Amino acid sequence: MCRWLAYTGGPILMSELLIKPKDNLIHQSLHAKEQRAPVNGDGFGLGWYDNKPYPGLFRSIRPAWNDMNLHDLASHIESPLFMSHVRASSLAPIQETNCHPFRYKQWLFMHNGQITQFEFLHQKLLSKISPEYFNDIYGSTDSEVMFYLALTFGLEEDVTSAISKMVSVVKAEGKKVNVNGNILMSLAISDGESLWGFRYGSDHKSPSLYISPSIEELTRLNPNIEDKFGDFAACLVSEPIGNYQETWREIPNNSMVVVQNENIKVNAFNIK
């Protein structure tokens, strides 16, 4: 399992969330609390939006706790929407193209979890990816396959429908070859304007997902917060960071959260 963070709101230096807070993401790369293995040392990635047409991306196979490039970039890049991920590899090898986030045009995608018995489904799932997307696949993870399946099923038009179809197809293909095909996932997806988070488990035991307290709540606890983040900000994480971790809201199993136009909506995400 991996750990990740996604932020949207007023422009801030990425270090404000990735480096400075208690139990920050870099700390979680070595000392994660909400997973069986605490170490996520098989690479990391940063994806951020600025005034360019497509998001910036930096990925490395070095462990996040031991890469000064990560510290330097996070301390100099200011962004209103960014994502970061620390990886714990399962079956796929440790290589840069297997690090998250994955990027297609203006889209960024991160995943924590797995497709159970993916090795028996990999070829079949790859065959379902549309030719217009296929040549953009550079790695060998189940996560990247999930992303390009979702693109094939219309992610650019309807995120929720595309993720639902992707999950349904994976489960159906598993049944065809008599393997599990279950999905465990917490996802972060963005087009640079909106942010989507999904928490789903075929067996109702999905990876953890949290959303930050409101600016109003944080300002009540610490009046200096508003000066840093402005009137609105939201952060999705695999596990809470900072000094007020008890105020983070856990997203329920089989649910989704959408942060759009300074509004936050949490809805059920069920697959028939």
Protein backbone atom coordinates (compact mmCIF):
# COMPACT_ATOMS: atom_id res chain seq x y z
CA MET A 1 0.00 0.00 0.00
CA CYS A 2 1.03 3.61 -0.61
CA ARG A 3 0.35 7.05 0.88
CA TRP A 4 -0.78 10.16 -0.98
CA LEU A 5 -1.95 13.76 -0.61
CA ALA A 6 -3.94 16.05 -2.93
CA TYR A 7 -4.58 19.76 -2.30
CA THR A 8 -6.78 22.41 -3.91
CA GLY A 9 -7.32 25.99 -2.75
CA GLY A 10 -5.32 29.18 -2.55
CA PRO A 11 -1.83 28.93 -4.08
CA ILE A 12 0.71 27.69 -1.53
CA LEU A 13 4.21 26.31 -1.54
CA MET A 14 3.94 22.52 -1.67
CA SER A 15 6.25 22.32 1.34
CA GLU A 16 3.45 23.79 3.49
CA LEU A 17 1.76 20.39 3.37
CA LEU A 18 4.43 17.93 2.22
CA ILE A 19 7.24 18.91 4.60
CA LYS A 20 6.21 21.27 7.43
CA PRO A 21 3.23 19.63 9.19
CA LYS A 22 3.46 16.95 11.84
CA ASP A 23 3.22 13.44 10.31
CA ASN A 24 3.57 14.93 6.83
CA LEU A 25 3.68 12.81 3.68
CA ILE A 26 7.46 12.48 3.69
CA HIS A 27 7.27 11.33 7.31
CA GLN A 28 4.61 8.81 6.26
CA SER A 29 6.98 7.39 3.65
CA LEU A 30 8.90 5.92 6.59
CA HIS A 31 6.35 5.90 9.42
CA ALA A 32 2.85 5.36 8.00
CA LYS A 33 0.30 4.51 10.69
CA GLU A 34 -2.77 3.21 8.84
CA GLN A 35 -1.33 0.29 6.93
CA ARG A 36 0.29 -3.01 7.81
CA ALA A 37 3.76 -2.03 6.57
CA PRO A 38 4.85 1.47 7.68
CA VAL A 39 7.48 1.99 4.95
CA ASN A 40 6.72 3.49 1.53
CA GLY A 41 10.21 3.73 0.10
CA ASP A 42 9.80 2.60 -3.51
CA GLY A 43 9.75 6.03 -5.08
CA PHE A 44 7.62 9.15 -5.02
CA GLY A 45 6.03 11.67 -7.31
CA LEU A 46 4.81 15.25 -7.50
CA GLY A 47 2.21 16.61 -9.90
CA TRP A 48 1.20 20.28 -9.87
CA TYR A 49 -0.81 22.83 -11.82
CA ASP A 50 0.36 26.34 -12.61
CA ASN A 51 -0.17 28.70 -15.56
CA LYS A 52 0.89 26.11 -18.14
CA PRO A 53 -1.63 24.10 -20.22
CA TYR A 54 -0.62 20.80 -18.62
CA PRO A 55 0.52 19.94 -15.11
CA GLY A 56 4.14 19.62 -14.12
CA LEU A 57 5.40 16.19 -13.08
CA PHE A 58 8.44 14.95 -11.19
CA ARG A 59 8.95 11.31 -10.23
CA SER A 60 11.85 9.41 -8.75
CA ILE A 61 12.65 5.90 -7.52
CA ARG A 62 14.52 7.28 -4.53
CA PRO A 63 12.76 7.09 -1.15
CA ALA A 64 11.03 10.37 -0.33
CA TRP A 65 12.83 10.73 3.00
CA ASN A 66 16.22 10.70 1.28
CA ASP A 67 15.80 12.94 -1.76
CA MET A 68 16.84 16.58 -1.49
CA ASN A 69 15.35 17.29 -4.93
CA LEU A 70 11.90 16.70 -3.45
CA HIS A 71 12.60 19.12 -0.60
CA ASP A 72 13.96 21.73 -2.99
CA LEU A 73 11.07 21.51 -5.46
CA ALA A 74 8.42 21.53 -2.74
CA SER A 75 10.02 24.58 -1.12
CA HIS A 76 10.07 26.60 -4.37
CA ILE A 77 6.95 25.61 -6.34
CA GLU A 78 3.71 27.39 -5.49
CA SER A 79 0.49 25.87 -6.78
CA PRO A 80 -3.29 26.08 -6.24
CA LEU A 81 -3.70 22.35 -6.94
CA PHE A 82 -1.10 19.63 -6.50
CA MET A 83 -0.72 15.94 -5.73
CA SER A 84 2.03 13.85 -4.20
CA HIS A 85 2.46 10.11 -3.69
CA VAL A 86 4.92 7.84 -1.88
CA ARG A 87 5.01 4.29 -3.19
CA ALA A 88 5.16 0.84 -1.66
CA SER A 89 5.51 -1.57 -4.58
CA SER A 90 3.59 -4.83 -4.79
CA LEU A 91 4.17 -6.83 -7.98
CA ALA A 92 5.35 -4.09 -10.36
CA PRO A 93 9.08 -3.29 -10.37
CA ILE A 94 10.64 -0.18 -8.90
CA GLN A 95 11.08 2.14 -11.86
CA GLU A 96 10.31 5.78 -12.54
CA THR A 97 7.43 5.06 -14.93
CA ASN A 98 5.67 3.11 -12.18
CA CYS A 99 5.67 6.05 -9.78
CA HIS A 100 2.53 8.15 -9.30
CA PRO A 101 0.94 10.49 -10.28
CA PHE A 102 0.21 9.39 -13.82
CA ARG A 103 -0.47 12.15 -16.34
CA TYR A 104 -2.51 12.37 -19.53
CA LYS A 105 -2.87 15.86 -21.01
CA GLN A 106 -4.35 17.97 -18.17
CA TRP A 107 -5.31 14.94 -16.06
CA LEU A 108 -3.48 13.58 -13.02
CA PHE A 109 -4.28 10.24 -11.35
CA MET A 110 -2.99 8.59 -8.15
CA HIS A 111 -3.93 5.28 -6.55
CA ASN A 112 -3.43 3.42 -3.30
CA GLY A 113 -4.50 -0.23 -3.27
CA GLN A 114 -4.45 -3.04 -5.78
CA ILE A 115 -6.26 -5.22 -8.26
CA THR A 116 -6.16 -8.65 -6.64
CA GLN A 117 -4.38 -11.28 -8.78
CA PHE A 118 -3.58 -8.59 -11.37
CA GLU A 119 -0.92 -10.80 -12.95
CA PHE A 120 -3.70 -13.02 -14.34
CA LEU A 121 -5.69 -10.06 -15.69
CA HIS A 122 -2.98 -7.72 -16.97
CA GLN A 123 -3.01 -8.78 -20.62
CA LYS A 124 -6.79 -8.90 -20.90
CA LEU A 125 -7.24 -5.48 -19.30
CA LEU A 126 -4.59 -3.93 -21.54
CA SER A 127 -6.51 -5.19 -24.57
CA LYS A 128 -9.53 -3.15 -23.50
CA ILE A 129 -7.69 0.17 -23.54
CA SER A 130 -8.51 2.31 -26.56
CA PRO A 131 -5.71 2.68 -29.16
CA GLU A 132 -5.81 6.46 -28.76
CA TYR A 133 -4.53 6.05 -25.19
CA PHE A 134 -2.53 2.84 -25.41
CA ASN A 135 0.78 4.34 -26.56
CA ASP A 136 0.82 6.68 -23.54
CA ILE A 137 1.24 3.75 -21.14
CA TYR A 138 4.87 3.56 -20.03
CA GLY A 139 4.78 1.50 -16.83
CA SER A 140 3.55 -1.88 -15.66
CA THR A 141 1.35 -1.17 -12.64
CA ASP A 142 -2.28 -2.04 -12.10
CA SER A 143 -2.75 1.64 -11.17
CA GLU A 144 -1.77 2.93 -14.59
CA VAL A 145 -4.00 0.34 -16.26
CA MET A 146 -6.90 1.55 -14.11
CA PHE A 147 -6.23 5.14 -15.25
CA TYR A 148 -6.16 4.31 -18.95
CA LEU A 149 -9.20 2.08 -18.70
CA ALA A 150 -11.04 5.00 -17.10
CA LEU A 151 -9.90 7.28 -19.92
CA THR A 152 -11.15 4.70 -22.40
CA PHE A 153 -14.52 4.67 -20.64
CA GLY A 154 -14.95 8.45 -20.80
CA LEU A 155 -13.05 9.96 -17.88
CA GLU A 156 -12.63 13.24 -19.74
CA GLU A 157 -16.43 13.64 -19.97
CA ASP A 158 -17.76 12.00 -16.78
CA VAL A 159 -15.32 11.01 -14.05
CA THR A 160 -17.74 9.11 -11.84
CA SER A 161 -19.22 7.07 -14.68
CA ALA A 162 -15.77 6.20 -16.05
CA ILE A 163 -14.43 5.02 -12.69
CA SER A 164 -17.59 2.97 -12.12
CA LYS A 165 -17.24 1.30 -15.52
CA MET A 166 -13.55 0.63 -14.92
CA VAL A 167 -14.26 -1.14 -11.63
CA SER A 168 -17.10 -3.16 -13.16
CA VAL A 169 -14.94 -4.32 -16.07
CA VAL A 170 -12.07 -5.38 -13.82
CA LYS A 171 -14.40 -7.40 -11.63
CA ALA A 172 -16.12 -8.98 -14.65
CA GLU A 173 -12.82 -9.99 -16.24
CA GLY A 174 -11.75 -11.58 -12.98
CA LYS A 175 -14.84 -13.76 -12.96
CA LYS A 176 -14.22 -14.87 -16.55
CA VAL A 177 -10.84 -16.37 -15.69
CA ASN A 178 -11.82 -17.61 -12.22
CA VAL A 179 -9.60 -15.25 -10.27
CA ASN A 180 -10.54 -12.74 -7.62
CA GLY A 181 -10.41 -9.53 -9.65
CA ASN A 182 -11.34 -7.51 -6.56
CA ILE A 183 -10.32 -3.88 -6.39
CA LEU A 184 -9.02 -2.06 -3.33
CA MET A 185 -8.61 1.61 -4.08
CA SER A 186 -8.39 5.13 -2.88
CA LEU A 187 -8.00 7.40 -5.89
CA ALA A 188 -7.17 11.06 -6.44
CA ILE A 189 -8.03 12.51 -9.86
CA SER A 190 -7.87 16.06 -11.19
CA ASP A 191 -8.20 18.02 -14.42
CA GLY A 192 -6.62 21.13 -12.89
CA GLU A 193 -9.94 22.67 -11.88
CA SER A 194 -11.75 20.02 -9.84
CA LEU A 195 -10.53 17.27 -7.52
CA TRP A 196 -12.14 13.84 -7.15
CA GLY A 197 -11.43 11.25 -4.48
CA PHE A 198 -12.75 7.67 -4.47
CA ARG A 199 -12.67 5.09 -1.71
CA TYR A 200 -13.83 1.64 -2.74
CA GLY A 201 -13.27 -1.99 -1.86
CA SER A 202 -14.95 -4.97 -3.49
CA ASP A 203 -15.01 -6.62 -0.05
CA HIS A 204 -15.94 -3.34 1.70
CA LYS A 205 -12.43 -3.12 3.19
CA SER A 206 -11.01 -0.22 1.22
CA PRO A 207 -7.84 1.82 1.87
CA SER A 208 -8.34 4.83 4.14
CA LEU A 209 -9.22 8.28 2.82
CA TYR A 210 -9.71 11.57 4.70
CA ILE A 211 -10.62 15.15 3.90
CA SER A 212 -9.34 18.15 5.83
CA PRO A 213 -11.51 20.25 8.15
CA SER A 214 -12.93 23.49 6.77
CA ILE A 215 -10.97 26.73 6.87
CA GLU A 216 -13.53 28.00 9.40
CA GLU A 217 -12.79 25.07 11.71
CA LEU A 218 -9.03 25.42 11.29
CA THR A 219 -9.22 29.17 11.87
CA ARG A 220 -11.09 28.57 15.10
CA LEU A 221 -8.28 26.27 16.22
CA ASN A 222 -5.47 28.42 14.84
CA PRO A 223 -6.29 32.00 13.72
CA ASN A 224 -3.15 32.19 11.55
CA ILE A 225 -4.33 29.44 9.18
CA GLU A 226 -6.56 31.70 7.06
CA ASP A 227 -3.62 33.97 6.19
CA LYS A 228 -1.86 30.95 4.71
CA PHE A 229 -4.66 29.22 2.78
CA GLY A 230 -7.17 31.98 2.01
CA ASP A 231 -10.95 31.63 2.12
CA PHE A 232 -11.17 28.07 0.85
CA ALA A 233 -8.89 25.04 0.77
CA ALA A 234 -9.34 21.27 0.86
CA CYS A 235 -6.87 18.45 1.20
CA LEU A 236 -7.43 14.73 0.61
CA VAL A 237 -5.02 12.30 2.26
CA SER A 238 -4.48 8.62 2.91
CA GLU A 239 -4.02 9.48 6.57
CA PRO A 240 -4.22 12.78 8.48
CA ILE A 241 -1.36 15.25 8.85
CA GLY A 242 -0.75 18.24 11.09
CA ASN A 243 -1.63 19.21 14.66
CA TYR A 244 -5.40 18.73 14.46
CA GLN A 245 -5.64 15.21 13.11
CA GLU A 246 -8.78 14.43 15.09
CA THR A 247 -10.66 17.05 13.04
CA TRP A 248 -10.04 15.33 9.70
CA ARG A 249 -13.18 13.70 8.29
CA GLU A 250 -12.93 10.08 7.21
CA ILE A 251 -14.57 9.36 3.86
CA PRO A 252 -16.73 6.22 4.32
CA ASN A 253 -16.11 2.94 2.54
CA ASN A 254 -17.50 2.87 -1.01
CA SER A 255 -17.85 6.64 -1.25
CA MET A 256 -16.57 9.48 -3.38
CA VAL A 257 -15.77 13.11 -2.70
CA VAL A 258 -15.80 15.95 -5.23
CA VAL A 259 -14.17 19.33 -4.60
CA GLN A 260 -15.46 21.72 -7.23
CA ASN A 261 -16.12 25.48 -7.37
CA GLU A 262 -15.21 25.78 -3.66
CA ASN A 263 -17.83 23.19 -2.72
CA ILE A 264 -17.31 19.73 -1.25
CA LYS A 265 -19.73 16.88 -1.86
CA VAL A 266 -19.49 13.35 -0.49
CA ASN A 267 -21.69 10.69 -2.11
CA ALA A 268 -22.02 6.93 -2.12
CA PHE A 269 -20.02 5.04 -4.76
CA ASN A 270 -21.54 1.61 -5.26
CA ILE A 271 -20.91 -0.85 -8.06
CA LYS A 272 -23.72 -3.20 -9.07
